[in-house]
Amino acid sequence: MPTVSVVICAYTEERWEDTLKAVASVQSQQPAPHQIILVVDHNPKLQTRLAEQLSDDVRVAPNNNERGLSGARNTGVALATGDIVAFLDDDAVAHAGWLAGLTRSYADPDVIGVGGRTEPGWDIRRPAWWPGEFDWIVGCTYTGMERGVVRNLLGCNASYRRDLFAIGGFSSDIGRSAGDRRPLGGEETEFCIRAAKARPGGVFVYDDQAVITHHVPPARQSFSYFRSRCLGEGRSKAKVTESVGFGAGLATERRYSAVTLPAGVLRGLRRGAHGDWAGLLSAGAIIVGLMYTTLGYGSGLITRHYRGFR
């Protein structure tokens, strides 16, 4: 059985209770993790408070890299000594059996990373119009994601062989920094594509038995956030393709746009035809989401080419 170092990254006192719940959920795992590393992103006050609150089996450390999630995760990787490095968000809770679910696929030497199922923990309730195909907006497993080999893992519930980071860590040029209001992402996608190129024959696996719940606050349940997150995702994809190329950078997205989203629209329309008006709203949200993501991608490409001519 491989040993696992679990890395949790925190940056704000506003998630104090969530962070404590995240740590507790890892401490209760069977088998127990080899390490729990809590990296605090350039917030000395929070770091001191967490170090005083948590037991000795949790290493609380400052982010020694640039501010932001990528830098914090890279700090955690540098401190890890387990065979596997697993990541859990500070506003997520791991279910019983999470670590066991993440580690069993590593019996296959070709498996270089494993991710699990992330369920949304709506603070109020799931908006009636919110399509499951867009649950990735709140960092969760989306409708259409199938168990098995995948191109990339979702960052809030992911694990990697530690020696994979010999190629370098997560890129700080992609994704969101602490305090950044722009809903960007994509650093995990870029890392997975880069890692797969460096390890021919290596695969990433999605195991739906490794389950966590990701907290979704009211601020992330609005239609305005939905639109802005889609716009940000499109811009992030433009950055990813700049790094890894169009073919690899958009392989999963092409199938998602051509198969998953049209199927979701048809389901919504059928629900509407049977008197479920929320189905029509969901179908409309899918169309709007695709439009905003495409717009973001286009604007990202324009910005990229503009930089190239400067």
Protein backbone atom coordinates (compact mmCIF):
# COMPACT_ATOMS: atom_id res chain seq x y z
CA MET A 1 0.00 0.00 0.00
CA PRO A 2 1.55 3.33 -1.01
CA THR A 3 1.97 6.03 1.60
CA VAL A 4 0.00 9.25 1.07
CA SER A 5 0.80 12.84 1.95
CA VAL A 6 -2.37 14.95 1.95
CA VAL A 7 -1.97 18.65 1.14
CA ILE A 8 -4.64 21.21 2.07
CA CYS A 9 -4.14 24.87 1.13
CA ALA A 10 -5.76 27.68 3.14
CA TYR A 11 -5.64 31.44 2.76
CA THR A 12 -8.50 33.14 4.63
CA GLU A 13 -10.02 33.22 8.10
CA GLU A 14 -13.43 33.28 6.44
CA ARG A 15 -13.07 29.53 5.87
CA TRP A 16 -11.94 28.76 9.42
CA GLU A 17 -14.68 26.24 10.22
CA ASP A 18 -14.48 24.71 6.74
CA THR A 19 -10.72 24.28 7.07
CA LEU A 20 -11.03 22.52 10.43
CA LYS A 21 -13.67 20.19 8.98
CA ALA A 22 -11.44 19.43 5.99
CA VAL A 23 -8.52 18.51 8.26
CA ALA A 24 -10.72 16.39 10.55
CA SER A 25 -12.10 14.47 7.58
CA VAL A 26 -8.56 13.53 6.55
CA GLN A 27 -7.55 12.59 10.09
CA SER A 28 -10.43 10.10 10.22
CA GLN A 29 -9.41 8.23 7.07
CA GLN A 30 -8.65 4.53 7.15
CA PRO A 31 -5.95 3.76 6.27
CA ALA A 32 -4.51 6.89 7.86
CA PRO A 33 -2.44 9.27 5.73
CA HIS A 34 1.32 9.29 6.05
CA GLN A 35 1.26 13.10 6.39
CA ILE A 36 -1.21 15.96 6.60
CA ILE A 37 0.29 19.22 5.37
CA LEU A 38 -1.69 22.44 5.72
CA VAL A 39 -0.12 25.21 3.66
CA VAL A 40 -1.19 28.76 4.54
CA ASP A 41 -0.93 31.23 1.67
CA HIS A 42 0.85 34.37 2.91
CA ASN A 43 -1.35 34.89 5.96
CA PRO A 44 0.84 34.74 9.12
CA LYS A 45 -2.09 35.43 11.46
CA LEU A 46 -4.07 32.50 10.09
CA GLN A 47 -0.98 30.30 10.11
CA THR A 48 -0.35 30.97 13.80
CA ARG A 49 -3.98 30.41 14.71
CA LEU A 50 -4.16 27.10 12.85
CA ALA A 51 -0.87 25.88 14.31
CA GLU A 52 -2.21 26.57 17.82
CA GLN A 53 -5.55 24.91 17.10
CA LEU A 54 -4.47 21.71 15.35
CA SER A 55 -2.78 18.64 16.74
CA ASP A 56 0.83 17.67 16.13
CA ASP A 57 -0.07 15.24 13.34
CA VAL A 58 -0.83 18.24 11.10
CA ARG A 59 2.11 20.19 9.73
CA VAL A 60 1.12 23.84 9.31
CA ALA A 61 3.51 25.58 6.95
CA PRO A 62 3.70 28.92 5.10
CA ASN A 63 3.57 29.13 1.33
CA ASN A 64 7.21 29.73 0.42
CA ASN A 65 6.40 30.38 -3.22
CA GLU A 66 4.47 33.11 -5.01
CA ARG A 67 1.04 33.95 -3.65
CA GLY A 68 -1.78 31.78 -4.98
CA LEU A 69 -3.04 28.22 -5.11
CA SER A 70 -0.35 26.91 -7.46
CA GLY A 71 2.44 28.25 -5.28
CA ALA A 72 0.81 26.85 -2.14
CA ARG A 73 0.36 23.42 -3.69
CA ASN A 74 3.95 23.41 -4.89
CA THR A 75 5.05 24.20 -1.33
CA GLY A 76 3.04 21.20 -0.12
CA VAL A 77 4.63 18.94 -2.72
CA ALA A 78 8.11 20.05 -1.60
CA LEU A 79 7.27 19.08 2.00
CA ALA A 80 5.65 15.76 1.11
CA THR A 81 7.47 12.49 1.74
CA GLY A 82 4.74 9.99 0.84
CA ASP A 83 4.67 7.94 -2.35
CA ILE A 84 1.47 9.74 -3.34
CA VAL A 85 0.53 13.40 -2.92
CA ALA A 86 -3.22 13.98 -2.56
CA PHE A 87 -4.94 17.37 -2.59
CA LEU A 88 -8.12 18.40 -0.80
CA ASP A 89 -9.58 21.92 -0.85
CA ASP A 90 -9.92 23.80 2.42
CA ASP A 91 -13.69 24.04 1.91
CA ALA A 92 -14.23 20.35 1.19
CA VAL A 93 -14.87 17.29 3.37
CA ALA A 94 -13.59 13.82 2.50
CA HIS A 95 -16.03 10.94 2.96
CA ALA A 96 -15.05 7.69 4.66
CA GLY A 97 -12.98 5.58 2.28
CA TRP A 98 -11.68 8.57 0.32
CA LEU A 99 -8.00 7.71 0.62
CA ALA A 100 -8.64 4.03 0.02
CA GLY A 101 -10.51 4.95 -3.15
CA LEU A 102 -7.70 7.18 -4.37
CA THR A 103 -4.91 4.69 -3.74
CA ARG A 104 -6.22 1.36 -5.03
CA SER A 105 -5.63 2.21 -8.70
CA TYR A 106 -1.93 2.80 -8.04
CA ALA A 107 -1.42 -0.96 -8.04
CA ASP A 108 -1.20 -0.44 -11.81
CA PRO A 109 2.24 1.08 -12.52
CA ASP A 110 0.86 2.93 -15.54
CA VAL A 111 -1.44 4.99 -13.30
CA ILE A 112 0.28 8.28 -12.49
CA GLY A 113 -2.68 10.10 -10.95
CA VAL A 114 -6.13 9.39 -9.51
CA GLY A 115 -9.05 11.72 -8.87
CA GLY A 116 -12.37 11.10 -7.17
CA ARG A 117 -16.00 12.19 -7.25
CA THR A 118 -16.75 15.65 -5.91
CA GLU A 119 -20.32 16.34 -4.84
CA PRO A 120 -21.62 19.88 -4.38
CA GLY A 121 -22.61 20.87 -0.85
CA TRP A 122 -25.06 23.65 -1.62
CA ASP A 123 -25.25 26.12 1.25
CA ILE A 124 -28.96 26.68 0.62
CA ARG A 125 -30.16 24.32 -2.11
CA ARG A 126 -29.26 23.58 -5.69
CA PRO A 127 -30.71 26.31 -7.96
CA ALA A 128 -33.52 24.81 -10.06
CA TRP A 129 -31.96 26.15 -13.24
CA TRP A 130 -28.41 24.92 -12.56
CA PRO A 131 -27.49 22.14 -15.04
CA GLY A 132 -25.43 19.22 -13.78
CA GLU A 133 -23.27 19.55 -16.90
CA PHE A 134 -21.86 22.75 -15.38
CA ASP A 135 -21.09 21.50 -11.88
CA TRP A 136 -17.41 21.99 -12.74
CA ILE A 137 -18.10 25.69 -12.13
CA VAL A 138 -18.20 24.95 -8.39
CA GLY A 139 -15.31 22.48 -8.59
CA CYS A 140 -17.50 19.38 -8.72
CA THR A 141 -17.92 16.30 -10.89
CA TYR A 142 -20.19 17.17 -13.79
CA THR A 143 -22.83 15.19 -15.65
CA GLY A 144 -21.11 13.30 -18.45
CA MET A 145 -17.87 12.60 -16.59
CA GLU A 146 -17.32 8.83 -16.70
CA ARG A 147 -15.28 6.54 -14.49
CA GLY A 148 -12.00 5.39 -15.98
CA VAL A 149 -9.11 7.01 -17.81
CA VAL A 150 -9.38 10.79 -18.15
CA ARG A 151 -7.19 13.54 -19.58
CA ASN A 152 -6.95 15.54 -16.37
CA LEU A 153 -8.10 15.53 -12.75
CA LEU A 154 -10.18 18.09 -10.85
CA GLY A 155 -7.89 19.89 -8.45
CA CYS A 156 -9.94 19.79 -5.25
CA ASN A 157 -9.99 15.96 -5.23
CA ALA A 158 -6.84 14.68 -6.89
CA SER A 159 -3.70 12.67 -6.22
CA TYR A 160 -0.44 12.09 -8.06
CA ARG A 161 2.68 9.97 -7.74
CA ARG A 162 5.12 12.23 -5.96
CA ASP A 163 7.96 11.52 -8.38
CA LEU A 164 5.79 12.95 -11.16
CA PHE A 165 6.63 16.43 -9.89
CA ALA A 166 10.18 16.01 -11.14
CA ILE A 167 8.84 17.68 -14.31
CA GLY A 168 7.96 20.78 -12.27
CA GLY A 169 4.86 21.75 -10.34
CA PHE A 170 1.67 23.66 -11.03
CA SER A 171 2.05 26.76 -13.17
CA SER A 172 1.44 30.06 -11.39
CA ASP A 173 0.80 31.73 -14.73
CA ILE A 174 -2.47 29.79 -15.01
CA GLY A 175 -5.24 29.91 -12.43
CA ARG A 176 -6.21 32.21 -9.59
CA SER A 177 -4.14 33.93 -6.96
CA ALA A 178 -5.35 34.51 -3.41
CA GLY A 179 -7.61 37.52 -3.38
CA ASP A 180 -7.96 37.49 -7.17
CA ARG A 181 -11.60 38.16 -8.01
CA ARG A 182 -11.30 36.70 -11.51
CA PRO A 183 -12.71 33.14 -11.51
CA LEU A 184 -9.78 31.54 -13.33
CA GLY A 185 -8.50 27.97 -13.26
CA GLY A 186 -6.86 25.38 -15.47
CA GLU A 187 -3.56 24.79 -13.67
CA GLU A 188 -4.43 21.14 -13.00
CA THR A 189 -5.33 20.57 -16.66
CA GLU A 190 -2.04 22.03 -17.82
CA PHE A 191 -0.07 19.97 -15.30
CA CYS A 192 -1.80 16.71 -16.24
CA ILE A 193 -1.23 17.23 -19.98
CA ARG A 194 2.40 18.13 -19.39
CA ALA A 195 2.87 15.13 -17.09
CA ALA A 196 1.29 12.71 -19.59
CA LYS A 197 3.70 13.94 -22.27
CA ALA A 198 6.64 13.39 -19.92
CA ARG A 199 5.44 9.88 -18.98
CA PRO A 200 4.43 8.08 -22.20
CA GLY A 201 1.96 5.34 -21.33
CA GLY A 202 1.04 6.97 -18.04
CA VAL A 203 -2.66 7.55 -17.39
CA PHE A 204 -4.91 9.50 -15.05
CA VAL A 205 -7.91 7.70 -13.60
CA TYR A 206 -11.22 8.98 -12.27
CA ASP A 207 -12.53 6.72 -9.48
CA ASP A 208 -16.06 7.64 -8.40
CA GLN A 209 -15.65 5.73 -5.11
CA ALA A 210 -13.23 8.34 -3.74
CA VAL A 211 -15.83 10.89 -2.66
CA ILE A 212 -15.68 14.38 -1.17
CA THR A 213 -18.28 17.12 -0.66
CA HIS A 214 -17.27 20.60 -1.81
CA HIS A 215 -18.96 23.52 -0.02
CA VAL A 216 -20.83 25.89 -2.36
CA PRO A 217 -21.61 29.23 -0.61
CA PRO A 218 -24.52 31.45 -1.69
CA ALA A 219 -22.17 33.80 -3.56
CA ARG A 220 -21.38 30.99 -5.99
CA GLN A 221 -24.99 30.01 -6.61
CA SER A 222 -26.03 33.09 -8.58
CA PHE A 223 -26.50 33.32 -12.32
CA SER A 224 -24.02 36.20 -12.45
CA TYR A 225 -21.34 33.97 -10.90
CA PHE A 226 -22.28 31.19 -13.32
CA ARG A 227 -21.68 33.52 -16.27
CA SER A 228 -18.46 35.00 -14.91
CA ARG A 229 -17.04 31.58 -14.12
CA CYS A 230 -17.79 30.39 -17.66
CA LEU A 231 -16.08 33.49 -19.04
CA GLY A 232 -13.07 32.89 -16.79
CA GLU A 233 -12.89 29.23 -17.79
CA GLY A 234 -12.74 30.18 -21.45
CA ARG A 235 -9.89 32.58 -20.76
CA SER A 236 -8.11 29.91 -18.75
CA LYS A 237 -8.45 27.43 -21.64
CA ALA A 238 -6.77 29.95 -23.92
CA LYS A 239 -3.82 30.02 -21.52
CA VAL A 240 -3.72 26.23 -21.31
CA THR A 241 -3.65 25.84 -25.08
CA GLU A 242 -0.88 28.40 -25.26
CA SER A 243 1.16 26.15 -22.97
CA VAL A 244 0.33 22.65 -24.24
CA GLY A 245 -1.11 23.19 -27.75
CA PHE A 246 -4.63 23.22 -29.17
CA GLY A 247 -4.97 19.48 -29.74
CA ALA A 248 -4.24 18.38 -26.18
CA GLY A 249 -5.65 21.51 -24.59
CA LEU A 250 -9.12 21.12 -26.10
CA ALA A 251 -9.49 17.35 -26.64
CA THR A 252 -11.91 16.80 -23.76
CA GLU A 253 -13.70 20.10 -24.34
CA ARG A 254 -14.56 19.22 -27.94
CA ARG A 255 -16.42 16.08 -26.90
CA TYR A 256 -18.03 17.93 -24.01
CA SER A 257 -19.33 20.64 -26.35
CA ALA A 258 -20.38 18.27 -29.11
CA VAL A 259 -21.94 15.45 -27.06
CA THR A 260 -22.47 16.23 -23.37
CA LEU A 261 -23.99 19.70 -23.71
CA PRO A 262 -26.43 18.92 -26.57
CA ALA A 263 -27.62 15.88 -24.61
CA GLY A 264 -28.20 18.12 -21.60
CA VAL A 265 -30.19 20.61 -23.66
CA LEU A 266 -32.39 17.82 -25.05
CA ARG A 267 -33.01 16.47 -21.54
CA GLY A 268 -34.03 19.91 -20.37
CA LEU A 269 -36.39 20.39 -23.29
CA ARG A 270 -38.00 17.00 -22.68
CA ARG A 271 -38.53 17.92 -19.03
CA GLY A 272 -40.12 21.17 -20.11
CA ALA A 273 -42.40 19.36 -22.53
CA HIS A 274 -43.65 17.30 -19.59
CA GLY A 275 -44.46 20.37 -17.52
CA ASP A 276 -41.15 20.76 -15.64
CA TRP A 277 -40.31 24.40 -16.37
CA ALA A 278 -36.99 24.08 -14.56
CA GLY A 279 -35.89 21.85 -17.41
CA LEU A 280 -36.30 24.72 -19.85
CA LEU A 281 -34.29 26.99 -17.56
CA SER A 282 -31.56 24.36 -17.33
CA ALA A 283 -31.44 23.99 -21.12
CA GLY A 284 -31.17 27.77 -21.44
CA ALA A 285 -28.37 27.90 -18.85
CA ILE A 286 -26.38 25.31 -20.84
CA ILE A 287 -26.65 27.45 -23.97
CA VAL A 288 -25.66 30.61 -22.09
CA GLY A 289 -22.80 28.80 -20.37
CA LEU A 290 -21.38 27.57 -23.66
CA MET A 291 -21.71 31.04 -25.19
CA TYR A 292 -19.86 32.72 -22.32
CA THR A 293 -17.13 30.07 -22.24
CA THR A 294 -16.60 30.46 -25.98
CA LEU A 295 -16.53 34.24 -25.60
CA GLY A 296 -13.94 33.95 -22.85
CA TYR A 297 -11.81 31.63 -24.95
CA GLY A 298 -11.97 34.00 -27.92
CA SER A 299 -11.03 37.01 -25.82
CA GLY A 300 -8.18 35.01 -24.30
CA LEU A 301 -6.83 34.18 -27.75
CA ILE A 302 -7.05 37.82 -28.81
CA THR A 303 -5.13 38.88 -25.71
CA ARG A 304 -2.54 36.20 -26.40
CA HIS A 305 -1.98 37.35 -30.00
CA TYR A 306 -1.92 40.98 -28.91
CA ARG A 307 0.91 40.18 -26.50
CA GLY A 308 2.73 38.40 -29.28
CA PHE A 309 2.75 41.51 -31.47
CA ARG A 310 3.96 43.85 -28.73
